[in-house]
Structures are given as C-alpha cells and as structure tokens.
Protein backbone atom coordinates (compact mmCIF):
# COMPACT_ATOMS: atom_id res chain seq x y z
CA MET A 1 289.73 -92.35 156.18
CA ILE A 2 289.84 -89.51 158.15
CA ALA A 3 292.14 -87.95 156.08
CA ALA A 4 289.91 -88.72 152.83
CA PHE A 5 287.21 -87.15 154.72
CA PHE A 6 288.90 -83.95 155.45
CA HIS A 7 290.12 -83.67 152.07
CA ASN A 8 286.44 -84.15 150.68
CA ARG A 9 285.15 -81.12 151.54
CA PRO A 10 282.41 -80.96 149.16
CA LEU A 11 281.03 -83.97 150.49
CA ARG A 12 280.96 -82.39 153.88
CA ARG A 13 279.03 -79.32 152.72
CA ARG A 14 276.37 -81.31 151.04
CA LEU A 15 275.65 -83.35 154.33
CA VAL A 16 275.53 -80.02 156.56
CA ALA A 17 272.99 -78.41 154.29
CA GLY A 18 271.23 -81.37 154.23
CA SER A 19 270.78 -81.19 157.75
CA ILE A 20 270.07 -77.71 158.43
CA ALA A 21 266.90 -77.99 155.50
CA VAL A 22 265.59 -80.93 157.64
CA LEU A 23 265.70 -79.14 160.68
CA ALA A 24 263.77 -75.82 159.04
CA CYS A 25 261.70 -78.00 157.56
CA GLY A 26 260.55 -79.73 161.13
CA GLY A 27 260.56 -76.25 163.05
CA ALA A 28 258.35 -75.08 160.35
CA MET A 29 255.65 -77.77 160.89
CA VAL A 30 255.81 -77.34 164.75
CA TRP A 31 254.89 -73.73 164.29
CA HIS A 32 251.73 -73.85 161.75
CA GLY A 33 250.72 -77.06 163.93
CA ALA A 34 250.68 -74.92 167.19
CA GLN A 35 249.00 -71.77 164.97
CA SER A 36 246.28 -74.33 163.88
CA GLU A 37 245.63 -75.51 167.57
CA ALA A 38 245.59 -71.31 168.77
CA SER A 39 243.24 -70.64 166.40
CA ASN A 40 240.70 -73.52 166.92
CA ALA A 41 240.79 -72.71 171.03
CA LYS A 42 237.58 -70.81 172.25
CA PRO A 43 237.67 -67.44 174.20
CA ALA A 44 237.71 -67.87 177.77
CA ALA A 45 234.60 -66.60 179.61
CA PRO A 46 234.93 -63.55 181.82
CA GLU A 47 235.12 -63.92 185.26
CA THR A 48 232.07 -63.83 187.91
CA ARG A 49 232.23 -61.42 190.46
CA LEU A 50 231.30 -62.43 193.78
CA VAL A 51 228.83 -59.60 195.69
CA LYS A 52 227.35 -59.63 199.13
CA ALA A 53 223.60 -58.32 198.60
CA ILE A 54 220.48 -57.89 200.89
CA ALA A 55 216.78 -58.14 199.94
CA VAL A 56 214.69 -54.82 200.22
CA ALA A 57 212.09 -55.08 203.05
CA PRO A 58 210.10 -51.88 203.05
CA MET A 59 209.31 -51.03 206.80
CA LEU A 60 207.38 -48.12 208.35
CA SER A 61 210.31 -45.77 210.27
CA ALA A 62 208.79 -43.67 213.10
CA ASP A 63 210.03 -39.83 212.84
CA THR A 64 210.74 -38.93 216.85
CA ARG A 65 211.05 -35.59 217.47
CA ILE A 66 212.23 -34.07 220.80
CA ALA A 67 211.84 -30.44 222.38
CA ILE A 68 212.42 -28.40 225.28
CA GLY A 69 209.58 -26.59 226.79
CA GLU A 70 208.27 -25.58 229.92
CA ILE A 71 205.05 -26.17 232.11
CA ARG A 72 202.49 -23.72 232.05
CA PRO A 73 199.04 -23.28 233.43
CA ARG A 74 196.02 -23.91 230.56
CA LEU A 75 193.61 -21.63 232.51
CA GLU A 76 195.27 -18.46 234.01
CA SER A 77 193.23 -15.03 234.97
CA ASP A 78 194.40 -11.53 235.31
CA LEU A 79 192.16 -10.65 238.08
CA GLY A 80 191.67 -6.84 238.79
CA PHE A 81 188.89 -4.35 240.06
CA ARG A 82 185.83 -3.55 237.80
CA VAL A 83 186.08 0.18 239.75
CA SER A 84 189.10 2.43 240.42
CA GLY A 85 190.38 3.50 243.66
CA LYS A 86 193.14 3.55 246.48
CA LEU A 87 194.23 -0.31 247.32
CA LEU A 88 193.86 -0.78 250.81
CA GLU A 89 195.15 -4.31 251.54
CA ARG A 90 196.09 -7.35 249.15
CA ILE A 91 195.44 -10.49 251.02
CA ALA A 92 196.79 -12.95 248.19
CA GLU A 93 200.68 -13.58 248.02
CA ILE A 94 202.39 -15.35 245.06
CA GLY A 95 202.07 -18.74 245.82
CA SER A 96 198.94 -19.19 247.73
CA THR A 97 196.80 -20.99 247.29
CA VAL A 98 193.07 -19.84 246.66
CA LYS A 99 189.14 -20.99 246.64
CA LYS A 100 186.27 -19.53 244.73
CA GLY A 101 185.03 -16.57 245.98
CA GLU A 102 187.86 -15.95 248.73
CA VAL A 103 188.40 -11.81 249.00
CA LEU A 104 191.94 -11.08 247.21
CA ALA A 105 192.04 -7.41 247.76
CA ARG A 106 190.38 -4.54 248.96
CA ILE A 107 190.40 -0.36 247.72
CA ASP A 108 189.01 2.44 249.69
CA ASN A 109 184.86 1.81 249.32
CA GLN A 110 184.02 5.22 251.23
CA ASP A 111 182.93 7.13 247.77
CA TYR A 112 180.96 3.96 246.78
CA ARG A 113 179.23 3.77 250.40
CA ASN A 114 178.26 7.10 249.94
CA ARG A 115 177.19 7.05 246.66
CA LEU A 116 174.98 3.81 247.52
CA SER A 117 173.20 6.11 250.60
CA SER A 118 172.33 8.63 248.18
CA ALA A 119 170.85 6.47 245.66
CA GLU A 120 169.17 4.92 248.97
CA ALA A 121 168.03 8.53 249.47
CA ASP A 122 166.76 9.19 245.72
CA VAL A 123 164.67 5.84 246.08
CA ALA A 124 163.10 6.92 248.88
CA ALA A 125 161.93 10.80 247.68
CA ALA A 126 161.02 8.66 244.34
CA GLN A 127 158.54 6.61 246.34
CA ALA A 128 157.09 9.75 248.25
CA VAL A 129 156.61 11.42 244.78
CA LEU A 130 154.87 8.14 243.48
CA VAL A 131 152.36 8.00 246.99
CA GLU A 132 151.29 11.81 246.19
CA ALA A 133 150.62 11.16 242.40
CA SER A 134 148.96 8.10 243.10
CA ALA A 135 146.96 10.07 245.71
CA ALA A 136 145.87 12.57 243.18
CA GLU A 137 145.24 10.73 240.11
CA ALA A 138 142.87 8.60 242.12
CA ARG A 139 140.99 12.13 243.57
CA ILE A 140 141.14 13.60 240.12
CA GLY A 141 139.57 10.61 238.29
CA ALA A 142 136.98 10.36 241.29
CA LEU A 143 135.71 13.94 240.18
CA LEU A 144 135.70 13.54 236.49
CA ALA A 145 133.85 10.68 236.59
CA LYS A 146 131.43 12.89 238.63
CA GLY A 147 131.88 15.55 235.87
CA PHE A 148 133.12 17.88 238.41
CA THR A 149 136.55 18.43 236.69
CA THR A 150 137.51 18.67 233.30
CA ARG A 151 139.49 15.79 230.93
CA ALA A 152 142.63 17.81 230.59
CA SER A 153 143.07 18.11 234.47
CA TYR A 154 142.47 14.65 235.00
CA ASP A 155 145.42 13.88 231.94
CA ALA A 156 147.53 16.15 233.50
CA THR A 157 147.33 14.27 236.89
CA LEU A 158 147.79 11.46 235.10
CA LYS A 159 150.98 12.24 233.50
CA ASN A 160 152.46 13.30 236.69
CA LEU A 161 151.44 9.55 238.25
CA ARG A 162 153.65 7.77 235.17
CA SER A 163 156.41 10.28 235.81
CA ALA A 164 156.49 9.53 239.66
CA GLN A 165 156.63 5.56 238.52
CA ALA A 166 159.62 6.15 235.70
CA LYS A 167 161.74 8.22 238.22
CA LEU A 168 161.39 5.26 241.01
CA LYS A 169 162.08 2.93 238.57
CA SER A 170 165.14 4.64 237.48
CA ALA A 171 166.11 5.35 241.43
CA ASN A 172 166.11 1.76 241.84
CA ILE A 173 168.07 0.93 239.56
CA ALA A 174 170.62 3.54 240.39
CA PHE A 175 170.52 2.26 243.75
CA GLU A 176 171.41 -1.57 242.60
CA MET A 177 174.43 0.00 240.73
CA ALA A 178 175.79 1.71 243.78
CA LYS A 179 175.04 -1.41 245.70
CA ASP A 180 176.82 -3.42 243.07
CA GLN A 181 179.68 -0.56 242.62
CA LEU A 182 180.40 -0.96 246.90
CA GLY A 183 180.65 -4.80 246.12
CA TYR A 184 183.37 -4.62 243.09
CA THR A 185 185.49 -2.81 245.83
CA GLU A 186 186.67 -6.32 247.33
CA LEU A 187 188.33 -8.71 244.29
CA HIS A 188 187.26 -12.34 244.64
CA ALA A 189 188.66 -15.36 243.16
CA GLU A 190 186.94 -16.46 240.22
CA PHE A 191 187.94 -20.60 240.55
CA ASP A 192 189.91 -22.69 243.22
CA GLY A 193 193.43 -21.72 241.99
CA ILE A 194 197.26 -20.80 242.74
CA VAL A 195 198.06 -17.29 242.80
CA THR A 196 201.07 -16.93 239.99
CA ALA A 197 201.43 -12.97 239.98
CA THR A 198 200.73 -9.55 241.27
CA GLY A 199 200.55 -6.19 239.90
CA ALA A 200 199.53 -3.81 242.61
CA GLU A 201 200.40 -3.62 246.45
CA ALA A 202 198.49 -1.57 249.33
CA GLY A 203 198.64 2.12 248.92
CA GLN A 204 198.88 2.20 245.08
CA SER A 205 195.89 3.91 242.98
CA VAL A 206 194.81 1.38 240.55
CA ASN A 207 192.26 1.35 237.62
CA VAL A 208 189.25 -0.37 236.15
CA GLY A 209 190.72 -3.86 234.99
CA GLN A 210 194.61 -3.22 236.10
CA MET A 211 195.57 -6.48 236.88
CA VAL A 212 196.37 -6.72 241.04
CA VAL A 213 196.21 -10.84 241.03
CA ARG A 214 196.77 -13.55 238.82
CA VAL A 215 195.07 -16.84 239.26
CA ALA A 216 196.05 -20.33 237.91
CA ASP A 217 194.17 -23.22 237.42
CA PRO A 218 196.80 -26.13 238.94
CA GLU A 219 194.50 -28.93 237.87
CA SER A 220 194.94 -27.81 233.99
CA ARG A 221 198.55 -27.72 232.89
CA ASP A 222 200.01 -27.60 229.39
CA ALA A 223 203.31 -28.06 228.25
CA VAL A 224 204.57 -25.14 225.78
CA PHE A 225 207.03 -25.78 223.48
CA SER A 226 208.74 -23.30 220.70
CA ILE A 227 209.09 -25.31 217.43
CA ALA A 228 210.98 -24.36 214.37
CA GLU A 229 209.43 -24.14 210.78
CA ALA A 230 211.16 -26.84 209.64
CA ALA A 231 209.77 -29.37 211.96
CA PHE A 232 206.09 -29.23 210.11
CA ALA A 233 207.59 -30.23 207.12
CA ASN A 234 205.75 -33.48 207.51
CA THR A 235 203.28 -32.76 209.86
CA PRO A 236 200.67 -35.48 210.40
CA ASP A 237 196.93 -34.65 210.15
CA THR A 238 196.11 -32.45 212.57
CA LYS A 239 192.52 -34.17 212.90
CA ARG A 240 194.43 -36.97 214.67
CA PRO A 241 197.64 -35.43 216.55
CA PRO A 242 200.11 -37.67 218.36
CA GLN A 243 200.53 -37.88 221.33
CA VAL A 244 203.73 -36.40 223.21
CA THR A 245 205.40 -38.17 226.07
CA VAL A 246 206.39 -35.28 228.66
CA SER A 247 209.33 -35.97 230.79
CA LEU A 248 210.95 -33.81 233.38
CA LEU A 249 214.52 -32.64 232.58
CA SER A 250 215.60 -32.60 236.20
CA ASN A 251 214.10 -36.05 236.68
CA PRO A 252 213.45 -38.17 233.43
CA ALA A 253 211.69 -40.51 235.56
CA ILE A 254 208.37 -38.30 235.79
CA THR A 255 207.00 -38.50 232.91
CA ALA A 256 203.21 -37.54 231.77
CA VAL A 257 201.32 -38.10 228.30
CA GLY A 258 199.53 -35.22 226.60
CA THR A 259 198.19 -34.70 223.23
CA ILE A 260 198.82 -31.47 221.08
CA ARG A 261 195.61 -28.78 221.26
CA GLU A 262 197.05 -25.76 219.96
CA ILE A 263 199.47 -24.40 217.44
CA ALA A 264 200.33 -20.72 216.88
CA PRO A 265 199.17 -19.72 213.30
CA MET A 266 201.84 -17.44 213.50
CA ALA A 267 205.68 -17.36 214.41
CA ASP A 268 207.01 -15.31 216.76
CA ALA A 269 208.63 -12.15 215.68
CA ALA A 270 211.96 -12.44 217.25
CA THR A 271 212.79 -16.16 217.29
CA ARG A 272 210.65 -17.27 214.22
CA THR A 273 209.67 -20.22 215.92
CA PHE A 274 205.89 -21.79 216.36
CA GLN A 275 204.62 -21.99 220.19
CA VAL A 276 202.96 -25.63 220.45
CA LYS A 277 200.49 -26.06 223.31
CA VAL A 278 200.64 -29.97 224.73
CA SER A 279 197.31 -30.68 226.97
CA ILE A 280 198.63 -33.16 230.04
CA GLU A 281 195.94 -34.76 231.81
CA ASN A 282 196.67 -35.80 235.16
CA ALA A 283 199.99 -33.89 235.51
CA PRO A 284 202.04 -35.36 238.37
CA ASP A 285 202.81 -32.67 241.28
CA GLU A 286 206.08 -32.67 240.25
CA MET A 287 205.54 -31.26 236.79
CA ARG A 288 205.10 -27.28 238.60
CA PHE A 289 204.49 -24.14 236.72
CA GLY A 290 207.67 -23.05 235.19
CA ALA A 291 209.28 -26.51 235.14
CA SER A 292 211.70 -27.59 232.12
CA VAL A 293 210.42 -30.52 230.38
CA ALA A 294 211.24 -32.35 227.40
CA GLY A 295 208.40 -33.47 224.87
CA ARG A 296 209.17 -36.62 222.56
CA ALA A 297 206.88 -37.22 219.70
CA GLU A 298 206.40 -40.41 217.18
CA MET A 299 205.43 -39.46 213.82
CA GLY A 300 204.51 -42.29 211.88
CA GLY A 301 206.22 -41.83 208.63
CA ALA A 302 205.81 -43.78 204.90
CA PRO A 303 207.71 -47.03 204.26
CA VAL A 304 211.31 -46.43 203.81
CA VAL A 305 214.56 -48.96 203.41
CA MET A 306 217.44 -49.56 205.51
CA LEU A 307 221.01 -50.17 204.09
CA PRO A 308 224.45 -50.23 204.97
CA GLY A 309 226.59 -47.52 204.42
CA SER A 310 228.69 -49.45 202.06
CA ALA A 311 225.55 -50.17 199.82
CA LEU A 312 225.65 -46.25 198.60
CA PHE A 313 227.42 -45.34 195.29
CA ASP A 314 227.20 -42.11 193.18
CA LYS A 315 225.95 -41.07 189.68
CA ASP A 316 226.19 -37.93 188.34
CA GLY A 317 226.52 -36.57 191.68
CA LYS A 318 223.58 -38.41 193.14
CA PRO A 319 223.09 -41.34 195.05
CA ALA A 320 222.31 -44.96 193.77
CA VAL A 321 222.60 -48.44 194.87
CA TRP A 322 223.69 -51.68 192.67
CA VAL A 323 220.47 -54.11 192.12
CA VAL A 324 221.03 -57.49 190.98
CA SER A 325 218.51 -58.68 188.27
CA ALA A 326 216.91 -61.63 187.28
CA SER A 327 219.88 -62.32 184.87
CA SER A 328 222.49 -61.77 187.76
CA ALA A 329 223.06 -58.74 186.06
CA VAL A 330 223.99 -55.78 187.78
CA GLU A 331 222.08 -52.24 187.08
CA LEU A 332 222.86 -48.88 188.90
CA LYS A 333 219.50 -47.72 190.39
CA PRO A 334 219.21 -44.00 191.51
CA VAL A 335 217.48 -43.59 194.96
CA THR A 336 216.34 -41.03 197.33
CA VAL A 337 218.19 -41.02 200.71
CA ALA A 338 215.59 -39.51 203.58
CA ARG A 339 218.90 -38.89 205.49
CA TYR A 340 222.10 -40.03 206.77
CA GLU A 341 222.92 -42.01 210.01
CA THR A 342 225.79 -43.41 211.75
CA ASP A 343 226.34 -46.66 209.95
CA ARG A 344 223.34 -46.88 207.70
CA VAL A 345 221.54 -45.08 204.91
CA VAL A 346 217.55 -44.34 204.81
CA VAL A 347 216.13 -44.69 201.29
CA SER A 348 212.77 -43.31 200.99
CA GLU A 349 212.36 -43.88 197.55
CA GLY A 350 213.69 -45.68 194.05
CA LEU A 351 213.61 -49.24 195.65
CA ALA A 352 210.89 -51.84 195.35
CA LYS A 353 210.34 -55.11 197.78
CA GLY A 354 212.50 -57.97 197.05
CA ASP A 355 215.30 -55.97 195.08
CA LEU A 356 218.84 -57.48 195.74
CA VAL A 357 221.12 -54.78 196.57
CA VAL A 358 224.38 -55.18 196.71
CA THR A 359 226.03 -54.34 199.67
CA ALA A 360 229.89 -54.68 199.07
CA GLY A 361 232.17 -54.14 196.70
CA VAL A 362 230.20 -51.66 194.85
CA ASN A 363 233.20 -49.57 193.27
CA ARG A 364 234.38 -52.60 191.05
CA LEU A 365 231.16 -53.01 189.14
CA ARG A 366 230.09 -52.03 185.73
CA GLU A 367 226.63 -51.90 184.44
CA GLN A 368 225.68 -55.45 183.30
CA GLU A 369 228.25 -57.42 184.68
CA LYS A 370 227.56 -60.96 185.87
CA VAL A 371 227.99 -61.33 189.42
CA ARG A 372 227.10 -64.10 191.81
CA ILE A 373 225.51 -63.62 195.41
CA VAL A 374 227.97 -65.22 198.35
CA GLU A 375 225.77 -67.75 200.00
CA GLY A 376 223.81 -66.78 202.91
CA GLU A 377 224.14 -62.84 202.09
CA GLY A 378 220.76 -62.17 199.69
CA LYS A 379 218.40 -63.64 201.85
C-alpha cells in the first residue's frame, strides 16, 4: 500500500490542495471576524489630567514705603539786628539753650545813644516853643475880644500855635524812634530754643537783617525725607495722610509716630526729588536735630490676589493663568501683575473671587482640556 501511495501521485496532489483550501478559508473567516469586532468597538475616552488649583480670595495688600531722612526743627528763626553797626559781643554759642527775651548779642550803641540825646533835646525845644505860642495865642485872643487888635493878627498867632504843636508831636515821634533804635542794638531771643548756628563774630560790622544767631524750637521737630517722583504714583488722599513710623538708624528701637504735614510742590533742581516733612509729636530726646532716621508708611492698597509663581503662564508675551471652569475645563485668562516677589506674584486685575487657578502643570495644558483637581488643593 505504501508503494501504491507513492506511485499514486495525482491522488496525493488532490489531498494537499484540499487541505490548503480549507486552511485558507478558515484564515479568511478569522480575519473577517476580527475586522468586524474592531469596527464595533467605541473610541477610548481622552485622559483627564490631574492638576493642583487654589481658589482666588482677593485681599487688601498694604503698600509699605521706606525712606531715609533726618530730624530738623519745625520752627527755626534766623535772628539779626534791626539796625546796623559793629558787633561788640555775641553771647549765644551753638548748642546753648536760650529763653525768650534773653540777650544774644550786642552792637556798638554810641551813635544811637547820641541820636536819642539829640531827639530828647528836640522835644524840649519844641515844648518851649509850644509854651510861648500858647501864651501868645491867649494874649492876642483876649485883645481881639476887646477890639484892641485885628483878626489877621490873631490868625497869625493861632497859626504859630498849631505849628508849635505839630513840631512837638514830630519831636516826640523822633524821640521814640531813637529810643527804639537804641533798644535794637541788643539782639533778644524771640522764643525758648536752642542755638543751631551763628553768622557773625565780635568786631565784625553787621548789616540790617543779617543772620547773627539761628534759634530752633526743640519741642517741635520734623523728620524730613527726599522722595522720588515715582513714589507719588499711588499717593493716598492728602486729606487723610497716613501715619509714618520714624525710627533712629543708630537705634531702631527708638521710634516715634508722625504725620505728613508738607509735600514740596516742586522737585529739587539737582536731585529731582520732592521734600516731604513729617511732623513728630512728643519726639524722644534721642532724636536730636540732624539725626538720621528711617520713615516707614503703610499705604492702603486695592484688593489683590496672591498666587505662587508656578501659576503664571505666558500668552502672546503677556502674563496669564489657567482657570478651571464649572465644566472642569481649563481656559487661559490674561491677568495684570502688580509686582513680582521672591516666590509669588501679586495680581491686581483679571481674577474674581472664587476662581480656581491652576498652580501646577500649567505648561502641559491646552484650551478647554478636561482636568481633575487633586483632592484638597482647591479649597
């Protein structure tokens, strides 16, 4: 039989061909079945990205401003003589305490004593003329009443009387002026204070109004600062100026509270800064004139949002953040950054209370992409 099998080659070819046909038919059935299952399957849902987010809560941010200045007297007067002359002595020295009415300096008063004596003599002469004119008027008046003189004679006598009265009045005024000028040869303190500067020495000729002694009131002190123009960009209402905490640079523990009382209307020509004077009430004794101080003012600002630096995104070269909508999709919102800090940014515009801002993974997000907030991060 084996030999018959080998010799019957046509039968063998038919059996092999039939087997191949059966295998091919089965493979086709399997392929068509797999294709049908693939066409009925649903597309896989896109992956939901996990993000971290925080809820926006605007808060009032205090704008702290610090400046360096010095203590100066609020009331300071340059005292000088009201008459000119040679300075005989200057009693007041820098740093000395003076009382109101105390003599600070004297000039040579010989000329003014002579003028006073001359004015006094003029008064005496005018009084004598007035006595004579008064007697003449009385005598001529009596004669006129009896008809023994003319009216013209009486009128001339009356004119002399009135002239004598006017001369006496003028002489008295000149006498008072001479007495005042003699008094002006002494320079007196106008108020209790401290001598902060001098402008003339003994033996020097001084003119009217020339500063001889400068006196400051120690009870009224100002902290004076030079402020750049940019600091006035968000200046608060001047009707309600902020309080300023003033502290000594040499000892910050020594502080005082003051209020802004004056802002220079024009910038300094050299430094281009504005002078700001802060009035200090009950200043400590350690805050002497000329002491260097630091001023710190808290300016009330508009509500802002504090965000970590990782929340910031760039959109067309401008700052923006990703906000999670009610449908859990993210959208890019442009924002206005008030300032950048070490590890956070301060946003002034663009966000509302309750907005969910993505704080991590912002570089992998796309518009309207579905996200899921990590539990505990959106609270």
